Protein backbone atom coordinates (compact mmCIF):
# COMPACT_ATOMS: atom_id res chain seq x y z
CA MET A 1 96.10 80.55 111.04
CA SER A 2 97.87 83.04 108.79
CA ARG A 3 97.99 82.29 105.12
CA PHE A 4 101.13 84.32 104.44
CA ALA A 5 104.53 84.90 106.02
CA HIS A 6 107.06 87.70 105.66
CA LEU A 7 110.71 87.17 106.55
CA VAL A 8 113.05 90.00 107.45
CA GLY A 9 116.62 89.65 108.63
CA SER A 10 119.00 86.89 109.45
CA VAL A 11 118.37 83.19 109.05
CA ASN A 12 120.76 80.92 110.89
CA LEU A 13 121.77 78.87 107.87
CA PRO A 14 125.20 78.59 106.23
CA ASP A 15 124.50 80.19 102.85
CA ALA A 16 121.88 81.75 100.59
CA GLU A 17 121.20 78.55 98.66
CA THR A 18 120.41 76.64 101.86
CA THR A 19 118.21 79.52 103.02
CA PHE A 20 116.26 79.63 99.76
CA GLU A 21 115.79 75.85 99.70
CA THR A 22 114.80 75.57 103.38
CA VAL A 23 112.42 78.52 103.29
CA SER A 24 110.82 77.25 100.09
CA GLU A 25 110.39 73.77 101.53
CA HIS A 26 108.85 74.92 104.81
CA LEU A 27 106.99 78.10 103.85
CA GLY A 28 106.69 77.72 100.09
CA GLY A 29 103.43 79.28 98.96
CA ARG A 30 103.10 81.39 102.13
CA LEU A 31 105.84 83.75 100.96
CA HIS A 32 105.59 86.42 98.30
CA ARG A 33 109.24 87.40 98.78
CA ILE A 34 112.28 85.46 99.98
CA PRO A 35 115.43 87.09 101.44
CA ASP A 36 118.83 85.42 101.31
CA GLY A 37 119.03 85.17 105.10
CA GLU A 38 121.84 87.69 105.64
CA VAL A 39 124.40 84.92 105.55
CA GLY A 40 128.19 85.11 105.66
CA ASP A 41 129.61 88.33 107.10
CA ARG A 42 126.09 89.74 107.36
CA TYR A 43 124.96 87.10 109.88
CA TYR A 44 124.72 89.52 112.80
CA TRP A 45 122.51 92.24 111.33
CA ILE A 46 124.58 95.41 110.70
CA GLN A 47 127.69 94.56 112.72
CA PHE A 48 129.72 93.84 109.57
CA GLN A 49 129.40 97.52 108.60
CA LYS A 50 132.07 98.34 111.16
CA ASP A 51 134.60 96.60 108.94
CA PHE A 52 133.99 99.28 106.29
CA PHE A 53 134.22 102.12 108.81
CA ASP A 54 137.54 100.73 110.09
CA VAL A 55 139.16 101.27 106.68
CA THR A 56 137.69 104.72 106.05
CA PRO A 57 140.21 107.57 106.36
CA GLY A 58 138.85 110.19 108.75
CA LEU A 59 137.19 107.72 111.14
CA THR A 60 138.61 106.18 114.30
CA ARG A 61 137.42 104.31 117.36
CA VAL A 62 137.23 105.71 120.87
CA GLY A 63 139.69 104.05 123.24
CA ASP A 64 142.71 101.84 122.80
CA THR A 65 141.31 98.52 123.96
CA PRO A 66 138.79 96.75 121.75
CA PHE A 67 135.88 94.90 123.29
CA TYR A 68 134.32 92.29 121.11
CA ILE A 69 130.73 91.42 120.32
CA ARG A 70 130.27 87.83 119.17
CA GLU A 71 134.07 87.41 119.24
CA ARG A 72 134.43 89.33 115.98
CA PHE A 73 132.94 92.82 116.15
CA ASP A 74 134.76 95.61 117.98
CA GLY A 75 132.14 97.40 120.07
CA ARG A 76 133.98 100.68 120.58
CA PRO A 77 132.15 103.75 119.26
CA ILE A 78 133.41 105.44 116.10
CA VAL A 79 134.16 109.16 115.76
CA LEU A 80 135.45 111.58 113.18
CA ASP A 81 139.19 111.98 113.76
CA GLY A 82 139.39 115.50 112.29
CA SER A 83 141.65 114.57 109.38
CA VAL A 84 138.82 114.58 106.81
CA PRO A 85 135.70 116.79 106.90
CA ALA A 86 132.59 114.65 107.37
CA ASP A 87 131.10 115.61 104.01
CA GLU A 88 134.32 114.48 102.29
CA LEU A 89 134.44 111.00 103.84
CA GLN A 90 134.77 108.29 101.19
CA LEU A 91 133.12 105.14 102.46
CA PRO A 92 134.04 102.00 100.53
CA GLY A 93 131.35 99.77 99.11
CA LEU A 94 129.17 98.59 101.98
CA GLY A 95 128.76 94.99 100.85
CA TYR A 96 125.00 95.03 100.33
CA ALA A 97 125.08 95.24 96.53
CA ASP A 98 127.71 92.53 96.16
CA ALA A 99 125.71 90.22 98.42
CA ALA A 100 122.39 90.93 96.67
CA ILE A 101 123.82 90.42 93.19
CA GLU A 102 125.48 87.14 94.19
CA SER A 103 122.41 85.89 96.07
CA TYR A 104 120.10 86.77 93.21
CA ALA A 105 122.10 84.58 90.85
CA THR A 106 121.56 81.67 93.26
CA PHE A 107 117.86 82.55 93.63
CA ALA A 108 117.34 82.71 89.86
CA ALA A 109 119.09 79.37 89.27
CA LEU A 110 117.02 77.63 91.96
CA LYS A 111 113.83 79.19 90.65
CA ALA A 112 114.63 78.06 87.11
CA ARG A 113 115.06 74.48 88.41
CA GLY A 114 111.74 74.67 90.28
CA GLY A 115 113.29 74.77 93.77
CA ILE A 116 111.59 78.08 94.56
CA PRO A 117 107.87 78.71 93.98
CA SER A 118 107.28 80.45 90.64
CA GLU A 119 105.41 83.37 92.24
CA ALA A 120 108.14 84.12 94.82
CA ARG A 121 110.29 87.20 94.35
CA PHE A 122 113.79 87.93 95.61
CA GLN A 123 113.86 90.30 98.59
CA VAL A 124 116.67 92.68 99.47
CA SER A 125 116.57 94.19 102.95
CA LEU A 126 118.63 97.29 103.72
CA PRO A 127 119.00 99.02 107.09
CA THR A 128 118.13 102.65 107.66
CA PRO A 129 121.07 105.06 107.77
CA ALA A 130 119.91 106.20 111.23
CA GLY A 131 119.97 102.59 112.44
CA VAL A 132 123.55 102.03 111.35
CA VAL A 133 125.00 105.41 112.27
CA GLY A 134 123.09 105.49 115.57
CA SER A 135 124.39 102.05 116.50
CA PHE A 136 128.07 102.70 115.86
CA PHE A 137 128.93 106.39 116.06
CA HIS A 138 129.40 108.57 119.09
CA ALA A 139 126.32 110.77 119.54
CA GLU A 140 128.10 114.03 118.74
CA HIS A 141 129.20 112.74 115.31
CA ARG A 142 125.98 111.07 114.11
CA ALA A 143 124.40 114.09 112.43
CA ALA A 144 127.54 114.72 110.39
CA VAL A 145 128.04 111.09 109.33
CA GLU A 146 124.44 110.06 108.61
CA PRO A 147 124.16 111.87 105.22
CA VAL A 148 127.49 110.35 104.16
CA TYR A 149 126.28 106.87 105.05
CA GLU A 150 122.94 107.52 103.35
CA ARG A 151 124.73 108.42 100.10
CA ALA A 152 126.84 105.25 100.31
CA LEU A 153 123.74 103.15 100.97
CA MET A 154 121.91 104.75 98.04
CA SER A 155 124.92 103.92 95.88
CA GLU A 156 124.54 100.28 96.96
CA LEU A 157 120.85 100.41 96.08
CA GLY A 158 121.74 101.91 92.69
CA ARG A 159 124.06 99.00 91.96
CA ILE A 160 121.34 96.53 92.95
CA LEU A 161 118.82 98.23 90.69
CA ASP A 162 121.30 98.42 87.83
CA ALA A 163 121.94 94.68 88.17
CA ARG A 164 118.19 94.04 88.23
CA GLU A 165 117.72 96.06 85.05
CA GLY A 166 120.49 94.05 83.42
CA ALA A 167 118.89 90.76 84.39
CA ASN A 168 117.15 88.55 81.90
CA PRO A 169 113.86 90.38 81.18
CA ARG A 170 111.94 87.20 81.98
CA LEU A 171 113.51 87.14 85.47
CA ARG A 172 113.62 90.91 86.09
CA ASN A 173 110.07 91.00 87.47
CA HIS A 174 111.01 88.51 90.16
CA VAL A 175 113.19 91.01 92.03
CA VAL A 176 111.72 93.45 94.54
CA VAL A 177 113.64 95.96 96.65
CA ARG A 178 111.88 97.14 99.80
């Protein structure tokens, strides 16, 4: 029997607080790090990223008729529309930093009340740029878009790290980004 567990990805629970409490109750001391469960809009791995691409000038979808994945996510591939050079695309915030900052506040409060093991650290999981761009963009546009997405993702990571550095010094060591 394994003494430790490592969670990555979605947990089918309604919110981060429920995820933290449930994971702590059932896996408690077996976890060194606890993720928030990719709840809310992030429930289906990276599908929510399409929402950000849909509002980015210079990007469009192939075809006129959407087909939906999980009744919410348009599965049509995305391409550069030619109106903005790829290296000038301005992706909006990708949602990862906002989610991590909000979830960490919940994690820290539960930990302070003893609802999370004292040795557990908060885990943030980010996708690879190749995973996101390769999943959504037409093959001929991936090489041009991947560095743009990578920059946007690194900006998200920067915001997460900045928030961690601004955290209470006593709590700062309980955050790990992998």
